[in-house]
Amino acid sequence: MDKEERKNRYKSMSSNQRKALILKKMKALGIEVGSGVPNKIYDKSEVSELIYIAKCFPELREKNK
């Protein structure tokens, strides 16, 4: 599936489906809901950057190991 197909598929999803997909991807990356810095508002580029960093350093996701 190319980038344009993924974008169209995402846009065709309901809000609840999008939330479920995002939560599933976060769980796969070991990111917990609410695990950010308190009282910090993240913009889209910061979130993308944090996900990229987490992918590069799997040891950051391995809390209990």
Protein backbone atom coordinates (compact mmCIF):
# COMPACT_ATOMS: atom_id res chain seq x y z
CA MET A 1 0.00 0.00 0.00
CA ASP A 2 1.54 3.31 -1.02
CA LYS A 3 1.42 6.57 0.91
CA GLU A 4 -1.58 7.99 -0.96
CA GLU A 5 -3.63 4.83 -0.39
CA ARG A 6 -2.79 4.92 3.34
CA LYS A 7 -3.84 8.57 3.55
CA ASN A 8 -7.14 7.87 1.81
CA ARG A 9 -7.79 4.83 4.01
CA TYR A 10 -7.08 6.89 7.13
CA LYS A 11 -9.36 9.72 5.98
CA SER A 12 -12.18 7.25 5.30
CA MET A 13 -12.04 5.92 8.88
CA SER A 14 -14.35 7.12 11.63
CA SER A 15 -12.95 9.01 14.61
CA ASN A 16 -13.23 5.92 16.83
CA GLN A 17 -11.46 3.77 14.23
CA ARG A 18 -8.64 6.32 14.01
CA LYS A 19 -8.26 6.42 17.79
CA ALA A 20 -8.15 2.62 17.94
CA LEU A 21 -5.49 2.51 15.20
CA ILE A 22 -3.35 5.14 16.91
CA LEU A 23 -3.63 3.39 20.28
CA LYS A 24 -2.71 0.06 18.65
CA LYS A 25 0.40 1.60 17.06
CA MET A 26 1.37 3.29 20.31
CA LYS A 27 1.06 -0.01 22.17
CA ALA A 28 3.19 -1.75 19.53
CA LEU A 29 5.88 0.90 20.07
CA GLY A 30 5.64 0.64 23.85
CA ILE A 31 4.24 4.15 24.26
CA GLU A 32 1.68 4.52 27.05
CA VAL A 33 -1.18 7.00 26.95
CA GLY A 34 -0.31 9.90 29.22
CA SER A 35 3.37 9.00 29.39
CA GLY A 36 4.50 12.42 28.24
CA VAL A 37 5.66 15.44 30.22
CA PRO A 38 2.93 16.88 32.52
CA ASN A 39 1.37 20.15 31.31
CA LYS A 40 3.16 19.86 27.96
CA ILE A 41 1.28 20.29 24.70
CA TYR A 42 2.93 18.48 21.79
CA ASP A 43 2.61 19.57 18.20
CA LYS A 44 2.46 17.08 15.32
CA SER A 45 6.16 17.36 14.44
CA GLU A 46 7.22 16.73 18.05
CA VAL A 47 5.07 13.60 18.25
CA SER A 48 6.47 12.30 14.95
CA GLU A 49 10.00 12.98 16.16
CA LEU A 50 9.40 11.17 19.46
CA ILE A 51 8.00 8.13 17.63
CA TYR A 52 11.01 8.11 15.29
CA ILE A 53 13.40 8.27 18.24
CA ALA A 54 11.56 5.43 20.00
CA LYS A 55 11.92 3.30 16.86
CA CYS A 56 15.67 3.95 16.75
CA PHE A 57 16.24 3.02 20.40
CA PRO A 58 14.21 -0.05 21.34
CA GLU A 59 15.84 -0.09 24.77
CA LEU A 60 13.86 3.10 25.58
CA ARG A 61 10.65 1.07 25.22
CA GLU A 62 11.83 -1.87 27.33
CA LYS A 63 10.94 -0.61 30.80
CA ASN A 64 10.66 -3.92 32.63
CA LYS A 65 13.55 -5.79 31.03
